[in-house]
Amino acid sequence: MHIAGVVVQVHPKHLAAAQGELEVLAGVEVHAISPAGRCVVTIEGDHRHVVADMMSRVNALPGVLSACMVYEQSESEFINVEVSQ
């Protein structure tokens, strides 16, 4: 699982439309929005390239001025293996 914290800057007059677009993207969750156009979102995906691709999609949305990753975490699934002696 890969998780990225992203600050998305949207032109204020496009804020409502951009919020709607962000909310329907798979793996994207909107956490906060300021009237000035800053949106705090997380992007989750199974692989790093999925998150990178989604960041590109977010950056290409109408009215989006920038999308900057401010946090990234990668978690591996651990397999529980019993060792016998």
PDB file of N, CA and C in Angstrom:
ATOM      1  N   MET A   1       0.847  -1.173   0.000  1.00  0.00           N
ATOM      2  CA  MET A   1       0.000   0.000   0.000  1.00  0.00           C
ATOM      3  C   MET A   1       0.886   1.228   0.000  1.00  0.00           C
ATOM      4  N   HIS A   2       0.603   2.167  -0.867  1.00  0.00           N
ATOM      5  CA  HIS A   2       1.323   3.433  -0.945  1.00  0.00           C
ATOM      6  C   HIS A   2       0.335   4.554  -0.673  1.00  0.00           C
ATOM      7  N   ILE A   3       0.771   5.504   0.154  1.00  0.00           N
ATOM      8  CA  ILE A   3      -0.078   6.626   0.530  1.00  0.00           C
ATOM      9  C   ILE A   3       0.717   7.907   0.334  1.00  0.00           C
ATOM     10  N   ALA A   4       0.088   8.908  -0.286  1.00  0.00           N
ATOM     11  CA  ALA A   4       0.717  10.211  -0.451  1.00  0.00           C
ATOM     12  C   ALA A   4      -0.207  11.291   0.082  1.00  0.00           C
ATOM     13  N   GLY A   5       0.363  12.208   0.847  1.00  0.00           N
ATOM     14  CA  GLY A   5      -0.345  13.404   1.270  1.00  0.00           C
ATOM     15  C   GLY A   5      -0.023  14.495   0.268  1.00  0.00           C
ATOM     16  N   VAL A   6      -1.047  15.137  -0.270  1.00  0.00           N
ATOM     17  CA  VAL A   6      -0.866  16.089  -1.357  1.00  0.00           C
ATOM     18  C   VAL A   6      -1.618  17.379  -1.048  1.00  0.00           C
ATOM     19  N   VAL A   7      -0.961  18.517  -1.313  1.00  0.00           N
ATOM     20  CA  VAL A   7      -1.633  19.812  -1.252  1.00  0.00           C
ATOM     21  C   VAL A   7      -1.910  20.226  -2.691  1.00  0.00           C
ATOM     22  N   VAL A   8      -3.180  20.425  -2.987  1.00  0.00           N
ATOM     23  CA  VAL A   8      -3.608  20.802  -4.332  1.00  0.00           C
ATOM     24  C   VAL A   8      -4.053  22.263  -4.283  1.00  0.00           C
ATOM     25  N   GLN A   9      -3.437  23.079  -5.120  1.00  0.00           N
ATOM     26  CA  GLN A   9      -3.820  24.494  -5.207  1.00  0.00           C
ATOM     27  C   GLN A   9      -4.724  24.651  -6.417  1.00  0.00           C
ATOM     28  N   VAL A  10      -5.935  25.151  -6.177  1.00  0.00           N
ATOM     29  CA  VAL A  10      -6.938  25.309  -7.224  1.00  0.00           C
ATOM     30  C   VAL A  10      -7.283  26.793  -7.336  1.00  0.00           C
ATOM     31  N   HIS A  11      -7.492  27.270  -8.549  1.00  0.00           N
ATOM     32  CA  HIS A  11      -7.958  28.646  -8.721  1.00  0.00           C
ATOM     33  C   HIS A  11      -9.308  28.753  -8.010  1.00  0.00           C
ATOM     34  N   PRO A  12      -9.485  29.736  -7.135  1.00  0.00           N
ATOM     35  CA  PRO A  12     -10.716  29.820  -6.333  1.00  0.00           C
ATOM     36  C   PRO A  12     -12.012  29.772  -7.141  1.00  0.00           C
ATOM     37  N   LYS A  13     -12.033  30.316  -8.350  1.00  0.00           N
ATOM     38  CA  LYS A  13     -13.292  30.284  -9.102  1.00  0.00           C
ATOM     39  C   LYS A  13     -13.604  28.886  -9.648  1.00  0.00           C
ATOM     40  N   HIS A  14     -12.639  27.970  -9.609  1.00  0.00           N
ATOM     41  CA  HIS A  14     -12.847  26.588 -10.061  1.00  0.00           C
ATOM     42  C   HIS A  14     -12.921  25.601  -8.893  1.00  0.00           C
ATOM     43  N   LEU A  15     -12.962  26.125  -7.686  1.00  0.00           N
ATOM     44  CA  LEU A  15     -12.870  25.283  -6.496  1.00  0.00           C
ATOM     45  C   LEU A  15     -13.991  24.252  -6.390  1.00  0.00           C
ATOM     46  N   ALA A  16     -15.229  24.650  -6.584  1.00  0.00           N
ATOM     47  CA  ALA A  16     -16.356  23.710  -6.451  1.00  0.00           C
ATOM     48  C   ALA A  16     -16.260  22.589  -7.487  1.00  0.00           C
ATOM     49  N   ALA A  17     -15.933  22.941  -8.724  1.00  0.00           N
ATOM     50  CA  ALA A  17     -15.820  21.920  -9.776  1.00  0.00           C
ATOM     51  C   ALA A  17     -14.656  20.982  -9.499  1.00  0.00           C
ATOM     52  N   ALA A  18     -13.524  21.538  -9.069  1.00  0.00           N
ATOM     53  CA  ALA A  18     -12.354  20.710  -8.789  1.00  0.00           C
ATOM     54  C   ALA A  18     -12.621  19.775  -7.615  1.00  0.00           C
ATOM     55  N   GLN A  19     -13.316  20.268  -6.601  1.00  0.00           N
ATOM     56  CA  GLN A  19     -13.662  19.419  -5.459  1.00  0.00           C
ATOM     57  C   GLN A  19     -14.490  18.230  -5.921  1.00  0.00           C
ATOM     58  N   GLY A  20     -15.473  18.476  -6.760  1.00  0.00           N
ATOM     59  CA  GLY A  20     -16.296  17.384  -7.287  1.00  0.00           C
ATOM     60  C   GLY A  20     -15.472  16.377  -8.072  1.00  0.00           C
ATOM     61  N   GLU A  21     -14.541  16.864  -8.885  1.00  0.00           N
ATOM     62  CA  GLU A  21     -13.674  15.971  -9.662  1.00  0.00           C
ATOM     63  C   GLU A  21     -12.769  15.154  -8.751  1.00  0.00           C
ATOM     64  N   LEU A  22     -12.207  15.786  -7.731  1.00  0.00           N
ATOM     65  CA  LEU A  22     -11.319  15.079  -6.806  1.00  0.00           C
ATOM     66  C   LEU A  22     -12.061  13.973  -6.058  1.00  0.00           C
ATOM     67  N   GLU A  23     -13.283  14.258  -5.650  1.00  0.00           N
ATOM     68  CA  GLU A  23     -14.033  13.318  -4.824  1.00  0.00           C
ATOM     69  C   GLU A  23     -14.446  12.044  -5.561  1.00  0.00           C
ATOM     70  N   VAL A  24     -14.435  12.058  -6.889  1.00  0.00           N
ATOM     71  CA  VAL A  24     -14.827  10.851  -7.623  1.00  0.00           C
ATOM     72  C   VAL A  24     -13.634  10.047  -8.127  1.00  0.00           C
ATOM     73  N   LEU A  25     -12.420  10.535  -7.911  1.00  0.00           N
ATOM     74  CA  LEU A  25     -11.242   9.792  -8.349  1.00  0.00           C
ATOM     75  C   LEU A  25     -10.960   8.640  -7.385  1.00  0.00           C
ATOM     76  N   ALA A  26     -10.734   7.469  -7.934  1.00  0.00           N
ATOM     77  CA  ALA A  26     -10.462   6.284  -7.114  1.00  0.00           C
ATOM     78  C   ALA A  26      -9.166   6.462  -6.334  1.00  0.00           C
ATOM     79  N   GLY A  27      -9.235   6.217  -5.031  1.00  0.00           N
ATOM     80  CA  GLY A  27      -8.055   6.304  -4.185  1.00  0.00           C
ATOM     81  C   GLY A  27      -7.751   7.692  -3.661  1.00  0.00           C
ATOM     82  N   VAL A  28      -8.565   8.679  -4.050  1.00  0.00           N
ATOM     83  CA  VAL A  28      -8.342  10.063  -3.617  1.00  0.00           C
ATOM     84  C   VAL A  28      -9.377  10.421  -2.561  1.00  0.00           C
ATOM     85  N   GLU A  29      -8.910  10.994  -1.463  1.00  0.00           N
ATOM     86  CA  GLU A  29      -9.819  11.452  -0.411  1.00  0.00           C
ATOM     87  C   GLU A  29      -9.499  12.904  -0.084  1.00  0.00           C
ATOM     88  N   VAL A  30     -10.522  13.745  -0.089  1.00  0.00           N
ATOM     89  CA  VAL A  30     -10.364  15.163   0.234  1.00  0.00           C
ATOM     90  C   VAL A  30     -10.582  15.327   1.741  1.00  0.00           C
ATOM     91  N   HIS A  31      -9.607  15.941   2.420  1.00  0.00           N
ATOM     92  CA  HIS A  31      -9.688  16.090   3.880  1.00  0.00           C
ATOM     93  C   HIS A  31     -10.032  17.512   4.308  1.00  0.00           C
ATOM     94  N   ALA A  32      -9.574  18.498   3.545  1.00  0.00           N
ATOM     95  CA  ALA A  32      -9.840  19.895   3.908  1.00  0.00           C
ATOM     96  C   ALA A  32      -9.720  20.765   2.664  1.00  0.00           C
ATOM     97  N   ILE A  33     -10.506  21.844   2.666  1.00  0.00           N
ATOM     98  CA  ILE A  33     -10.478  22.805   1.557  1.00  0.00           C
ATOM     99  C   ILE A  33     -10.587  24.207   2.150  1.00  0.00           C
ATOM    100  N   SER A  34      -9.711  25.102   1.670  1.00  0.00           N
ATOM    101  CA  SER A  34      -9.790  26.491   2.118  1.00  0.00           C
ATOM    102  C   SER A  34     -10.448  27.325   1.022  1.00  0.00           C
ATOM    103  N   PRO A  35     -11.094  28.427   1.383  1.00  0.00           N
ATOM    104  CA  PRO A  35     -11.710  29.305   0.381  1.00  0.00           C
ATOM    105  C   PRO A  35     -10.687  29.872  -0.611  1.00  0.00           C
ATOM    106  N   ALA A  36      -9.413  29.916  -0.211  1.00  0.00           N
ATOM    107  CA  ALA A  36      -8.358  30.425  -1.087  1.00  0.00           C
ATOM    108  C   ALA A  36      -7.963  29.408  -2.160  1.00  0.00           C
ATOM    109  N   GLY A  37      -8.480  28.168  -2.046  1.00  0.00           N
ATOM    110  CA  GLY A  37      -8.230  27.169  -3.078  1.00  0.00           C
ATOM    111  C   GLY A  37      -7.249  26.079  -2.713  1.00  0.00           C
ATOM    112  N   ARG A  38      -6.810  26.012  -1.474  1.00  0.00           N
ATOM    113  CA  ARG A  38      -5.917  24.930  -1.071  1.00  0.00           C
ATOM    114  C   ARG A  38      -6.728  23.729  -0.605  1.00  0.00           C
ATOM    115  N   CYS A  39      -6.379  22.569  -1.142  1.00  0.00           N
ATOM    116  CA  CYS A  39      -7.056  21.323  -0.786  1.00  0.00           C
ATOM    117  C   CYS A  39      -6.023  20.350  -0.230  1.00  0.00           C
ATOM    118  N   VAL A  40      -6.354  19.728   0.881  1.00  0.00           N
ATOM    119  CA  VAL A  40      -5.502  18.691   1.452  1.00  0.00           C
ATOM    120  C   VAL A  40      -6.142  17.361   1.100  1.00  0.00           C
ATOM    121  N   VAL A  41      -5.397  16.519   0.367  1.00  0.00           N
ATOM    122  CA  VAL A  41      -5.929  15.231  -0.067  1.00  0.00           C
ATOM    123  C   VAL A  41      -4.913  14.133   0.207  1.00  0.00           C
ATOM    124  N   THR A  42      -5.407  12.918   0.278  1.00  0.00           N
ATOM    125  CA  THR A  42      -4.533  11.753   0.279  1.00  0.00           C
ATOM    126  C   THR A  42      -4.851  10.930  -0.963  1.00  0.00           C
ATOM    127  N   ILE A  43      -3.812  10.289  -1.447  1.00  0.00           N
ATOM    128  CA  ILE A  43      -3.950   9.381  -2.582  1.00  0.00           C
ATOM    129  C   ILE A  43      -3.391   8.042  -2.138  1.00  0.00           C
ATOM    130  N   GLU A  44      -4.189   6.993  -2.291  1.00  0.00           N
ATOM    131  CA  GLU A  44      -3.767   5.648  -1.918  1.00  0.00           C
ATOM    132  C   GLU A  44      -3.800   4.748  -3.135  1.00  0.00           C
ATOM    133  N   GLY A  45      -2.828   3.841  -3.215  1.00  0.00           N
ATOM    134  CA  GLY A  45      -2.796   2.887  -4.307  1.00  0.00           C
ATOM    135  C   GLY A  45      -1.966   1.673  -3.937  1.00  0.00           C
ATOM    136  N   ASP A  46      -2.125   0.616  -4.718  1.00  0.00           N
ATOM    137  CA  ASP A  46      -1.400  -0.620  -4.448  1.00  0.00           C
ATOM    138  C   ASP A  46       0.082  -0.524  -4.771  1.00  0.00           C
ATOM    139  N   HIS A  47       0.425   0.362  -5.690  1.00  0.00           N
ATOM    140  CA  HIS A  47       1.810   0.498  -6.121  1.00  0.00           C
ATOM    141  C   HIS A  47       2.161   1.966  -6.251  1.00  0.00           C
ATOM    142  N   ARG A  48       3.459   2.269  -6.153  1.00  0.00           N
ATOM    143  CA  ARG A  48       3.932   3.647  -6.247  1.00  0.00           C
ATOM    144  C   ARG A  48       3.509   4.295  -7.570  1.00  0.00           C
ATOM    145  N   HIS A  49       3.548   3.520  -8.669  1.00  0.00           N
ATOM    146  CA  HIS A  49       3.189   4.099  -9.965  1.00  0.00           C
ATOM    147  C   HIS A  49       1.707   4.465 -10.044  1.00  0.00           C
ATOM    148  N   VAL A  50       0.864   3.769  -9.292  1.00  0.00           N
ATOM    149  CA  VAL A  50      -0.566   4.107  -9.254  1.00  0.00           C
ATOM    150  C   VAL A  50      -0.753   5.490  -8.625  1.00  0.00           C
ATOM    151  N   VAL A  51      -0.026   5.735  -7.543  1.00  0.00           N
ATOM    152  CA  VAL A  51      -0.100   7.039  -6.873  1.00  0.00           C
ATOM    153  C   VAL A  51       0.448   8.133  -7.788  1.00  0.00           C
ATOM    154  N   ALA A  52       1.569   7.858  -8.451  1.00  0.00           N
ATOM    155  CA  ALA A  52       2.164   8.837  -9.367  1.00  0.00           C
ATOM    156  C   ALA A  52       1.220   9.154 -10.528  1.00  0.00           C
ATOM    157  N   ASP A  53       0.585   8.130 -11.081  1.00  0.00           N
ATOM    158  CA  ASP A  53      -0.374   8.346 -12.167  1.00  0.00           C
ATOM    159  C   ASP A  53      -1.564   9.190 -11.704  1.00  0.00           C
ATOM    160  N   MET A  54      -2.039   8.925 -10.498  1.00  0.00           N
ATOM    161  CA  MET A  54      -3.176   9.686  -9.980  1.00  0.00           C
ATOM    162  C   MET A  54      -2.766  11.133  -9.705  1.00  0.00           C
ATOM    163  N   MET A  55      -1.533  11.359  -9.251  1.00  0.00           N
ATOM    164  CA  MET A  55      -1.060  12.736  -9.053  1.00  0.00           C
ATOM    165  C   MET A  55      -1.059  13.483 -10.379  1.00  0.00           C
ATOM    166  N   SER A  56      -0.664  12.804 -11.444  1.00  0.00           N
ATOM    167  CA  SER A  56      -0.683  13.423 -12.775  1.00  0.00           C
ATOM    168  C   SER A  56      -2.097  13.775 -13.195  1.00  0.00           C
ATOM    169  N   ARG A  57      -3.047  12.875 -12.899  1.00  0.00           N
ATOM    170  CA  ARG A  57      -4.456  13.150 -13.231  1.00  0.00           C
ATOM    171  C   ARG A  57      -4.980  14.344 -12.444  1.00  0.00           C
ATOM    172  N   VAL A  58      -4.635  14.416 -11.154  1.00  0.00           N
ATOM    173  CA  VAL A  58      -5.066  15.533 -10.311  1.00  0.00           C
ATOM    174  C   VAL A  58      -4.487  16.837 -10.863  1.00  0.00           C
ATOM    175  N   ASN A  59      -3.208  16.820 -11.218  1.00  0.00           N
ATOM    176  CA  ASN A  59      -2.549  18.010 -11.730  1.00  0.00           C
ATOM    177  C   ASN A  59      -3.166  18.499 -13.037  1.00  0.00           C
ATOM    178  N   ALA A  60      -3.763  17.591 -13.796  1.00  0.00           N
ATOM    179  CA  ALA A  60      -4.351  17.939 -15.093  1.00  0.00           C
ATOM    180  C   ALA A  60      -5.810  18.375 -15.008  1.00  0.00           C
ATOM    181  N   LEU A  61      -6.409  18.334 -13.830  1.00  0.00           N
ATOM    182  CA  LEU A  61      -7.808  18.736 -13.685  1.00  0.00           C
ATOM    183  C   LEU A  61      -7.970  20.223 -13.997  1.00  0.00           C
ATOM    184  N   PRO A  62      -9.090  20.609 -14.625  1.00  0.00           N
ATOM    185  CA  PRO A  62      -9.335  22.022 -14.919  1.00  0.00           C
ATOM    186  C   PRO A  62      -9.326  22.857 -13.639  1.00  0.00           C
ATOM    187  N   GLY A  63      -8.606  23.951 -13.656  1.00  0.00           N
ATOM    188  CA  GLY A  63      -8.548  24.843 -12.510  1.00  0.00           C
ATOM    189  C   GLY A  63      -7.450  24.531 -11.518  1.00  0.00           C
ATOM    190  N   VAL A  64      -6.828  23.349 -11.623  1.00  0.00           N
ATOM    191  CA  VAL A  64      -5.749  22.996 -10.705  1.00  0.00           C
ATOM    192  C   VAL A  64      -4.481  23.720 -11.145  1.00  0.00           C
ATOM    193  N   LEU A  65      -3.896  24.456 -10.209  1.00  0.00           N
ATOM    194  CA  LEU A  65      -2.670  25.197 -10.487  1.00  0.00           C
ATOM    195  C   LEU A  65      -1.435  24.364 -10.161  1.00  0.00           C
ATOM    196  N   SER A  66      -1.528  23.539  -9.106  1.00  0.00           N
ATOM    197  CA  SER A  66      -0.418  22.663  -8.736  1.00  0.00           C
ATOM    198  C   SER A  66      -0.908  21.576  -7.794  1.00  0.00           C
ATOM    199  N   ALA A  67      -0.173  20.478  -7.791  1.00  0.00           N
ATOM    200  CA  ALA A  67      -0.403  19.382  -6.846  1.00  0.00           C
ATOM    201  C   ALA A  67       0.966  18.964  -6.336  1.00  0.00           C
ATOM    202  N   CYS A  68       1.223  19.210  -5.065  1.00  0.00           N
ATOM    203  CA  CYS A  68       2.544  18.956  -4.483  1.00  0.00           C
ATOM    204  C   CYS A  68       2.456  17.888  -3.402  1.00  0.00           C
ATOM    205  N   MET A  69       3.247  16.837  -3.557  1.00  0.00           N
ATOM    206  CA  MET A  69       3.296  15.791  -2.543  1.00  0.00           C
ATOM    207  C   MET A  69       4.083  16.317  -1.342  1.00  0.00           C
ATOM    208  N   VAL A  70       3.499  16.196  -0.159  1.00  0.00           N
ATOM    209  CA  VAL A  70       4.169  16.642   1.054  1.00  0.00           C
ATOM    210  C   VAL A  70       4.472  15.485   2.000  1.00  0.00           C
ATOM    211  N   TYR A  71       3.958  14.295   1.658  1.00  0.00           N
ATOM    212  CA  TYR A  71       4.168  13.127   2.507  1.00  0.00           C
ATOM    213  C   TYR A  71       3.997  11.884   1.653  1.00  0.00           C
ATOM    214  N   GLU A  72       4.824  10.874   1.918  1.00  0.00           N
ATOM    215  CA  GLU A  72       4.667   9.591   1.236  1.00  0.00           C
ATOM    216  C   GLU A  72       5.017   8.482   2.206  1.00  0.00           C
ATOM    217  N   GLN A  73       4.229   7.420   2.161  1.00  0.00           N
ATOM    218  CA  GLN A  73       4.486   6.252   2.993  1.00  0.00           C
ATOM    219  C   GLN A  73       4.218   5.016   2.166  1.00  0.00           C
ATOM    220  N   SER A  74       5.091   4.044   2.322  1.00  0.00           N
ATOM    221  CA  SER A  74       4.927   2.770   1.639  1.00  0.00           C
ATOM    222  C   SER A  74       4.908   1.680   2.689  1.00  0.00           C
ATOM    223  N   GLU A  75       3.866   0.887   2.668  1.00  0.00           N
ATOM    224  CA  GLU A  75       3.744  -0.200   3.637  1.00  0.00           C
ATOM    225  C   GLU A  75       3.766  -1.525   2.899  1.00  0.00           C
ATOM    226  N   SER A  76       4.568  -2.443   3.400  1.00  0.00           N
ATOM    227  CA  SER A  76       4.613  -3.789   2.836  1.00  0.00           C
ATOM    228  C   SER A  76       3.771  -4.708   3.699  1.00  0.00           C
ATOM    229  N   GLU A  77       3.179  -5.680   3.050  1.00  0.00           N
ATOM    230  CA  GLU A  77       2.456  -6.690   3.816  1.00  0.00           C
ATOM    231  C   GLU A  77       3.461  -7.728   4.271  1.00  0.00           C
ATOM    232  N   PHE A  78       3.413  -8.032   5.548  1.00  0.00           N
ATOM    233  CA  PHE A  78       4.312  -9.032   6.084  1.00  0.00           C
ATOM    234  C   PHE A  78       3.592 -10.371   6.140  1.00  0.00           C
ATOM    235  N   ILE A  79       4.289 -11.394   5.756  1.00  0.00           N
ATOM    236  CA  ILE A  79       3.727 -12.738   5.796  1.00  0.00           C
ATOM    237  C   ILE A  79       4.137 -13.356   7.130  1.00  0.00           C
ATOM    238  N   ASN A  80       3.164 -13.848   7.851  1.00  0.00           N
ATOM    239  CA  ASN A  80       3.412 -14.496   9.103  1.00  0.00           C
ATOM    240  C   ASN A  80       3.924 -15.903   8.849  1.00  0.00           C
ATOM    241  N   VAL A  81       5.175 -16.148   9.152  1.00  0.00           N
ATOM    242  CA  VAL A  81       5.771 -17.464   8.912  1.00  0.00           C
ATOM    243  C   VAL A  81       6.193 -18.031  10.250  1.00  0.00           C
ATOM    244  N   GLU A  82       5.756 -19.236  10.494  1.00  0.00           N
ATOM    245  CA  GLU A  82       6.130 -19.914  11.729  1.00  0.00           C
ATOM    246  C   GLU A  82       7.408 -20.698  11.476  1.00  0.00           C
ATOM    247  N   VAL A  83       8.376 -20.480  12.313  1.00  0.00           N
ATOM    248  CA  VAL A  83       9.657 -21.173  12.156  1.00  0.00           C
ATOM    249  C   VAL A  83       9.727 -22.274  13.201  1.00  0.00           C
ATOM    250  N   SER A  84       9.969 -23.487  12.729  1.00  0.00           N
ATOM    251  CA  SER A  84      10.101 -24.606  13.664  1.00  0.00           C
ATOM    252  C   SER A  84      11.571 -24.984  13.770  1.00  0.00           C
ATOM    253  N   GLN A  85      11.939 -25.421  14.958  1.00  0.00           N
ATOM    254  CA  GLN A  85      13.343 -25.802  15.168  1.00  0.00           C
ATOM    255  C   GLN A  85      13.496 -27.286  15.304  1.00  0.00           C
TER     256      GLN A  85
END
